């Protein structure tokens, strides 16, 4: 299986922990401050990504069965989204 990189952009005003899963296995994780961009290695073509508030640990957004190479967390009208 080939390894690829996902670029994660945190456009939200909070510190977040981003976690990438393939099925139920944790593949990669990072903690990104507001405005920070990080790369995360993945070994799967399709994956699920979950973003949690870095202080409280509460889930703020998620995206299932994604194959995007670039992901951006942002806040729109009071809710967080991953694009």
Protein backbone atom coordinates (compact mmCIF):
# COMPACT_ATOMS: atom_id res chain seq x y z
CA UNK A 1 0.00 0.00 0.00
CA UNK A 2 1.43 3.40 -0.92
CA UNK A 3 1.60 6.24 1.56
CA UNK A 4 0.34 9.68 0.62
CA UNK A 5 0.01 12.98 2.46
CA UNK A 6 -3.10 14.97 3.35
CA UNK A 7 -2.74 18.71 3.92
CA UNK A 8 -4.93 19.98 6.75
CA UNK A 9 -5.68 23.73 7.05
CA UNK A 10 -7.18 25.04 10.30
CA UNK A 11 -9.11 28.20 9.40
CA UNK A 12 -11.13 28.05 12.65
CA UNK A 13 -10.38 30.26 15.65
CA UNK A 14 -9.77 27.28 17.96
CA UNK A 15 -6.95 24.78 18.37
CA UNK A 16 -8.04 21.42 16.97
CA UNK A 17 -6.92 17.83 17.00
CA UNK A 18 -7.44 16.19 13.62
CA UNK A 19 -7.57 12.39 13.44
CA UNK A 20 -7.67 10.24 10.31
CA UNK A 21 -9.14 6.75 10.46
CA UNK A 22 -9.26 3.94 7.91
CA UNK A 23 -12.23 1.84 8.98
CA UNK A 24 -11.72 1.70 12.77
CA UNK A 25 -7.92 2.06 12.77
CA UNK A 26 -6.31 5.39 13.71
CA UNK A 27 -3.91 6.21 10.88
CA UNK A 28 -2.70 9.73 11.64
CA UNK A 29 -3.26 12.58 14.08
CA UNK A 30 -2.11 16.17 14.54
CA UNK A 31 -2.87 19.25 16.63
CA UNK A 32 -3.24 22.49 14.67
CA UNK A 33 -3.42 26.01 16.04
CA UNK A 34 -5.68 28.62 14.37
CA UNK A 35 -4.35 29.48 10.91
CA UNK A 36 -1.89 26.58 10.88
CA UNK A 37 -1.48 24.08 8.03
CA UNK A 38 -0.02 20.61 8.61
CA UNK A 39 0.52 17.45 6.58
CA UNK A 40 -0.63 14.05 7.74
CA UNK A 41 0.47 10.72 6.24
CA UNK A 42 -2.20 8.20 5.21
CA UNK A 43 -1.99 4.69 3.77
CA UNK A 44 -5.55 4.42 2.58
CA UNK A 45 -7.24 5.84 -0.50
CA UNK A 46 -10.45 6.58 1.43
CA UNK A 47 -10.55 7.66 5.05
CA UNK A 48 -12.64 9.35 7.75
CA UNK A 49 -11.43 12.54 9.44
CA UNK A 50 -12.60 13.82 12.81
CA UNK A 51 -11.75 17.22 14.30
CA UNK A 52 -11.96 17.79 18.04
CA UNK A 53 -11.63 20.95 20.09
CA UNK A 54 -8.03 20.90 21.36
CA UNK A 55 -9.07 22.12 24.82
CA UNK A 56 -12.32 20.27 25.57
CA UNK A 57 -11.91 17.18 23.39
CA UNK A 58 -15.44 17.61 22.00
CA UNK A 59 -15.93 16.72 18.34
CA UNK A 60 -16.55 19.84 16.24
CA UNK A 61 -16.66 18.37 12.71
CA UNK A 62 -16.12 15.19 10.75
CA UNK A 63 -16.07 13.97 7.16
CA UNK A 64 -16.61 10.33 6.25
CA UNK A 65 -15.28 8.32 3.32
CA UNK A 66 -13.17 11.15 1.92
CA UNK A 67 -10.46 10.91 -0.71
CA UNK A 68 -9.44 14.61 -0.70
CA UNK A 69 -5.75 15.48 -0.53
CA UNK A 70 -6.45 18.91 1.01
CA UNK A 71 -8.88 19.52 3.87
CA UNK A 72 -9.89 22.82 5.45
CA UNK A 73 -11.70 23.27 8.75
CA UNK A 74 -13.66 26.52 8.94
CA UNK A 75 -16.53 28.02 10.87
CA UNK A 76 -19.63 29.19 9.00
CA UNK A 77 -22.77 30.56 10.69
CA UNK A 78 -21.85 29.10 14.06
CA UNK A 79 -20.95 25.57 12.96
CA UNK A 80 -17.67 24.00 11.89
CA UNK A 81 -17.30 22.32 8.51
CA UNK A 82 -14.58 20.38 6.72
CA UNK A 83 -14.20 21.12 3.02
